[in-house]
Amino acid sequence: MLAKKVKALRKKKGWSQQKLAQEAGLSFNAITKIEQGKALHPTLKTLIKLSDVFNITLDELAGRK
C-alpha cells in the first residue's frame, strides 16, 4: 500500500526518485526500497518526511481515510 502511494504521489509531482529523495532529505536507496515494497518497517521519521514533502497527513500516506 505504502509503495504504491509513494510512487503515485511522486509521479503526480513529476519527480524522479532522486528528486524525491533530495526534497524529502532521504537517500535514493530509501526511496527505491519504499517504492519496491522492500522497506517493510520504515521509521516514523521517514514517514513524516514523506508526508511533509507531499503536504499530506500520515493517515493519508498510510492510506487511511
C-alpha atoms as a PDB file:
ATOM      1  CA  MET A   1       0.000   0.000   0.000  1.00  0.00           C
ATOM      2  CA  LEU A   2       2.717   2.497   1.001  1.00  0.00           C
ATOM      3  CA  ALA A   3       4.817   1.586  -2.032  1.00  0.00           C
ATOM      4  CA  LYS A   4       2.021   2.329  -4.493  1.00  0.00           C
ATOM      5  CA  LYS A   5       1.019   5.523  -2.675  1.00  0.00           C
ATOM      6  CA  VAL A   6       4.528   6.982  -2.643  1.00  0.00           C
ATOM      7  CA  LYS A   7       5.115   6.107  -6.278  1.00  0.00           C
ATOM      8  CA  ALA A   8       1.785   7.622  -7.346  1.00  0.00           C
ATOM      9  CA  LEU A   9       2.383  10.820  -5.378  1.00  0.00           C
ATOM     10  CA  ARG A  10       5.906  11.129  -6.781  1.00  0.00           C
ATOM     11  CA  LYS A  11       4.705  10.670 -10.348  1.00  0.00           C
ATOM     12  CA  LYS A  12       1.885  13.176  -9.791  1.00  0.00           C
ATOM     13  CA  LYS A  13       4.548  15.768  -8.965  1.00  0.00           C
ATOM     14  CA  GLY A  14       6.584  14.710 -11.996  1.00  0.00           C
ATOM     15  CA  TRP A  15       9.580  13.870  -9.833  1.00  0.00           C
ATOM     16  CA  SER A  16      12.211  11.200 -10.287  1.00  0.00           C
ATOM     17  CA  GLN A  17      13.122   9.013  -7.343  1.00  0.00           C
ATOM     18  CA  GLN A  18      16.307  11.055  -6.983  1.00  0.00           C
ATOM     19  CA  LYS A  19      14.337  14.323  -6.859  1.00  0.00           C
ATOM     20  CA  LEU A  20      12.002  12.911  -4.203  1.00  0.00           C
ATOM     21  CA  ALA A  21      14.986  11.765  -2.164  1.00  0.00           C
ATOM     22  CA  GLN A  22      16.509  15.258  -2.325  1.00  0.00           C
ATOM     23  CA  GLU A  23      13.250  17.035  -1.499  1.00  0.00           C
ATOM     24  CA  ALA A  24      12.458  14.736   1.432  1.00  0.00           C
ATOM     25  CA  GLY A  25      16.001  14.614   2.778  1.00  0.00           C
ATOM     26  CA  LEU A  26      16.171  10.858   2.332  1.00  0.00           C
ATOM     27  CA  SER A  27      18.581   8.627   0.478  1.00  0.00           C
ATOM     28  CA  PHE A  28      17.864   7.438  -3.042  1.00  0.00           C
ATOM     29  CA  ASN A  29      18.192   3.892  -1.701  1.00  0.00           C
ATOM     30  CA  ALA A  30      15.472   4.538   0.891  1.00  0.00           C
ATOM     31  CA  ILE A  31      13.074   5.786  -1.783  1.00  0.00           C
ATOM     32  CA  THR A  32      13.708   2.832  -4.093  1.00  0.00           C
ATOM     33  CA  LYS A  33      13.215   0.362  -1.238  1.00  0.00           C
ATOM     34  CA  ILE A  34       9.957   2.020  -0.214  1.00  0.00           C
ATOM     35  CA  GLU A  35       8.616   2.040  -3.772  1.00  0.00           C
ATOM     36  CA  GLN A  36       9.605  -1.581  -4.321  1.00  0.00           C
ATOM     37  CA  GLY A  37       7.876  -2.605  -1.097  1.00  0.00           C
ATOM     38  CA  LYS A  38      11.157  -3.787   0.395  1.00  0.00           C
ATOM     39  CA  ALA A  39      11.111  -1.292   3.275  1.00  0.00           C
ATOM     40  CA  LEU A  40       8.714  -3.250   5.442  1.00  0.00           C
ATOM     41  CA  HIS A  41       9.054  -1.043   8.516  1.00  0.00           C
ATOM     42  CA  PRO A  42      10.098   2.494   7.567  1.00  0.00           C
ATOM     43  CA  THR A  43      10.800   4.715  10.550  1.00  0.00           C
ATOM     44  CA  LEU A  44       8.327   7.314  11.736  1.00  0.00           C
ATOM     45  CA  LYS A  45      10.913   9.957  10.850  1.00  0.00           C
ATOM     46  CA  THR A  46      10.967   8.712   7.239  1.00  0.00           C
ATOM     47  CA  LEU A  47       7.177   8.671   7.032  1.00  0.00           C
ATOM     48  CA  ILE A  48       6.963  12.199   8.418  1.00  0.00           C
ATOM     49  CA  LYS A  49       9.484  13.428   5.846  1.00  0.00           C
ATOM     50  CA  LEU A  50       7.440  11.859   3.048  1.00  0.00           C
ATOM     51  CA  SER A  51       4.129  13.215   4.303  1.00  0.00           C
ATOM     52  CA  ASP A  52       5.683  16.674   4.668  1.00  0.00           C
ATOM     53  CA  VAL A  53       7.142  16.717   1.171  1.00  0.00           C
ATOM     54  CA  PHE A  54       3.800  15.650  -0.311  1.00  0.00           C
ATOM     55  CA  ASN A  55       1.906  18.003   2.017  1.00  0.00           C
ATOM     56  CA  ILE A  56      -0.416  15.253   3.257  1.00  0.00           C
ATOM     57  CA  THR A  57      -1.135  13.697   6.646  1.00  0.00           C
ATOM     58  CA  LEU A  58       0.434  10.491   7.862  1.00  0.00           C
ATOM     59  CA  ASP A  59      -3.018   8.904   7.680  1.00  0.00           C
ATOM     60  CA  GLU A  60      -3.303   9.849   4.010  1.00  0.00           C
ATOM     61  CA  LEU A  61       0.173   8.496   3.333  1.00  0.00           C
ATOM     62  CA  ALA A  62      -0.769   5.226   5.013  1.00  0.00           C
ATOM     63  CA  GLY A  63      -3.988   5.012   3.015  1.00  0.00           C
ATOM     64  CA  ARG A  64      -6.295   5.703   5.961  1.00  0.00           C
ATOM     65  CA  LYS A  65      -9.349   7.842   5.425  1.00  0.00           C
END
